[in-house]
Amino acid sequence: METNRYNKGLEVLQQMVSEETLDATVKKMEKFSPDMAKLIVEFPYGSLYSRPGLDLKQRSLLTIGAMIASGAAAQLDFHIKGALNVGLTPNEIVEAVMHCVSYAGFPKTLDAMFVVMNVFDEQGITYEEA
């Protein structure tokens, strides 16, 4: 069962992020803590993201909101890249972040918006507010 969850998780991750991003996160963690790397792949991606009922775009939006609310800005870069790769538009991502301000507060939301800005800059994405 664990191998199945791990393989499912890797399949999901390969749909969401580039090989370069995967190498910089999961593969890097495998060298430091193989058990943590296994948990990262198996639990959220092999057990949750792979469930029916929500598509990867919807799950990505939920994850972005949860990351912002919990103050996990360091993890947000990975998830913003994944959200773009599964088809969320820059506008949808910015609106999702802005929506969090009344629930997560300005400091967490501003931290998140700076992460979004950096990812957009890194990927050459031009964003103009509607």
Protein backbone atom coordinates (compact mmCIF):
# COMPACT_ATOMS: atom_id res chain seq x y z
CA MET A 1 0.00 0.00 0.00
CA GLU A 2 2.77 2.47 0.89
CA THR A 3 4.50 1.92 -2.46
CA ASN A 4 1.18 2.53 -4.19
CA ARG A 5 0.64 5.80 -2.30
CA TYR A 6 4.20 6.87 -3.01
CA ASN A 7 3.83 6.16 -6.73
CA LYS A 8 0.47 7.96 -6.84
CA GLY A 9 2.03 10.89 -5.03
CA LEU A 10 4.92 11.08 -7.48
CA GLU A 11 2.48 11.00 -10.40
CA VAL A 12 0.57 13.94 -8.91
CA LEU A 13 3.75 15.90 -8.20
CA GLN A 14 4.99 15.34 -11.74
CA GLN A 15 1.76 16.91 -13.02
CA MET A 16 2.17 19.87 -10.70
CA VAL A 17 5.81 20.89 -10.70
CA SER A 18 8.78 20.83 -13.02
CA GLU A 19 11.50 18.24 -12.65
CA GLU A 20 13.78 21.08 -11.50
CA THR A 21 11.37 22.05 -8.70
CA LEU A 22 10.91 18.41 -7.73
CA ASP A 23 14.70 17.97 -7.55
CA ALA A 24 15.07 21.13 -5.43
CA THR A 25 12.50 19.95 -2.91
CA VAL A 26 11.65 16.27 -2.65
CA LYS A 27 14.90 14.91 -4.08
CA LYS A 28 16.90 17.27 -1.88
CA MET A 29 14.91 16.17 1.17
CA GLU A 30 15.54 12.50 0.25
CA LYS A 31 19.26 13.10 0.75
CA PHE A 32 18.74 14.76 4.13
CA SER A 33 15.79 12.77 5.54
CA PRO A 34 14.47 9.93 3.38
CA ASP A 35 11.60 9.32 5.81
CA MET A 36 10.42 12.95 5.59
CA ALA A 37 10.67 12.88 1.80
CA LYS A 38 8.56 9.72 1.74
CA LEU A 39 5.93 11.34 3.98
CA ILE A 40 5.82 14.45 1.79
CA VAL A 41 5.06 12.35 -1.29
CA GLU A 42 2.78 9.73 0.27
CA PHE A 43 0.54 11.75 2.54
CA PRO A 44 -0.54 14.97 0.86
CA TYR A 45 -0.02 13.86 -2.73
CA GLY A 46 -0.53 10.08 -2.62
CA SER A 47 -3.43 10.15 -0.15
CA LEU A 48 -5.13 13.55 -0.52
CA TYR A 49 -4.35 15.19 -3.87
CA SER A 50 -5.06 11.89 -5.63
CA ARG A 51 -8.57 11.55 -4.20
CA PRO A 52 -11.60 12.04 -6.45
CA GLY A 53 -13.99 14.95 -5.99
CA LEU A 54 -11.70 17.94 -6.56
CA ASP A 55 -9.35 18.58 -9.44
CA LEU A 56 -5.76 19.73 -9.03
CA LYS A 57 -6.69 23.38 -9.66
CA GLN A 58 -9.24 23.32 -6.84
CA ARG A 59 -6.85 21.52 -4.51
CA SER A 60 -4.13 24.04 -5.34
CA LEU A 61 -6.39 26.96 -4.45
CA LEU A 62 -7.28 25.32 -1.15
CA THR A 63 -3.63 24.64 -0.41
CA ILE A 64 -2.64 28.23 -1.13
CA GLY A 65 -5.31 29.47 1.29
CA ALA A 66 -4.25 26.98 3.96
CA MET A 67 -0.58 27.91 3.57
CA ILE A 68 -1.38 31.59 3.93
CA ALA A 69 -3.65 31.07 6.95
CA SER A 70 -1.03 28.97 8.71
CA GLY A 71 1.77 31.42 7.90
CA ALA A 72 3.72 28.91 5.83
CA ALA A 73 5.11 31.44 3.35
CA ALA A 74 8.30 29.40 2.95
CA GLN A 75 6.26 26.58 1.38
CA LEU A 76 4.20 28.88 -0.81
CA ASP A 77 6.72 29.23 -3.64
CA PHE A 78 6.40 25.51 -4.40
CA HIS A 79 2.60 25.64 -4.32
CA ILE A 80 2.29 28.78 -6.45
CA LYS A 81 4.46 27.13 -9.12
CA GLY A 82 2.31 24.02 -8.88
CA ALA A 83 -0.89 26.05 -9.17
CA LEU A 84 0.36 27.70 -12.36
CA ASN A 85 1.37 24.33 -13.78
CA VAL A 86 -2.09 22.82 -13.24
CA GLY A 87 -3.78 25.74 -14.97
CA LEU A 88 -4.59 28.42 -12.42
CA THR A 89 -4.22 31.85 -13.96
CA PRO A 90 -2.12 34.59 -12.39
CA ASN A 91 -5.35 36.50 -11.73
CA GLU A 92 -6.91 33.52 -9.91
CA ILE A 93 -3.82 33.16 -7.74
CA VAL A 94 -3.68 36.87 -6.85
CA GLU A 95 -7.41 36.92 -6.08
CA ALA A 96 -7.07 33.83 -3.88
CA VAL A 97 -4.27 35.52 -1.95
CA MET A 98 -6.22 38.78 -1.61
CA HIS A 99 -9.27 36.86 -0.39
CA CYS A 100 -7.21 35.61 2.56
CA VAL A 101 -6.56 39.08 3.98
CA SER A 102 -9.77 39.19 6.02
CA TYR A 103 -9.24 35.66 7.36
CA ALA A 104 -5.47 35.38 7.77
CA GLY A 105 -4.61 39.05 8.32
CA PHE A 106 -2.43 41.55 6.51
CA PRO A 107 1.03 40.30 7.60
CA LYS A 108 0.50 36.72 6.38
CA THR A 109 -1.25 37.89 3.23
CA LEU A 110 1.48 40.41 2.41
CA ASP A 111 4.14 37.74 2.91
CA ALA A 112 2.19 35.54 0.51
CA MET A 113 1.79 38.31 -2.06
CA PHE A 114 5.55 38.88 -2.08
CA VAL A 115 6.06 35.17 -2.74
CA VAL A 116 3.59 35.38 -5.63
CA MET A 117 5.39 38.45 -7.01
CA ASN A 118 8.73 36.63 -6.84
CA VAL A 119 7.39 33.54 -8.60
CA PHE A 120 5.79 35.67 -11.31
CA ASP A 121 9.06 37.61 -11.78
CA GLU A 122 11.07 34.38 -11.88
CA GLN A 123 8.76 32.91 -14.52
CA GLY A 124 8.42 36.10 -16.56
CA ILE A 125 4.71 36.42 -15.81
CA THR A 126 3.25 39.89 -16.19
CA TYR A 127 0.30 40.60 -13.93
CA GLU A 128 -2.02 43.56 -14.21
CA GLU A 129 -4.84 44.04 -11.75
CA ALA A 130 -8.24 43.90 -13.41
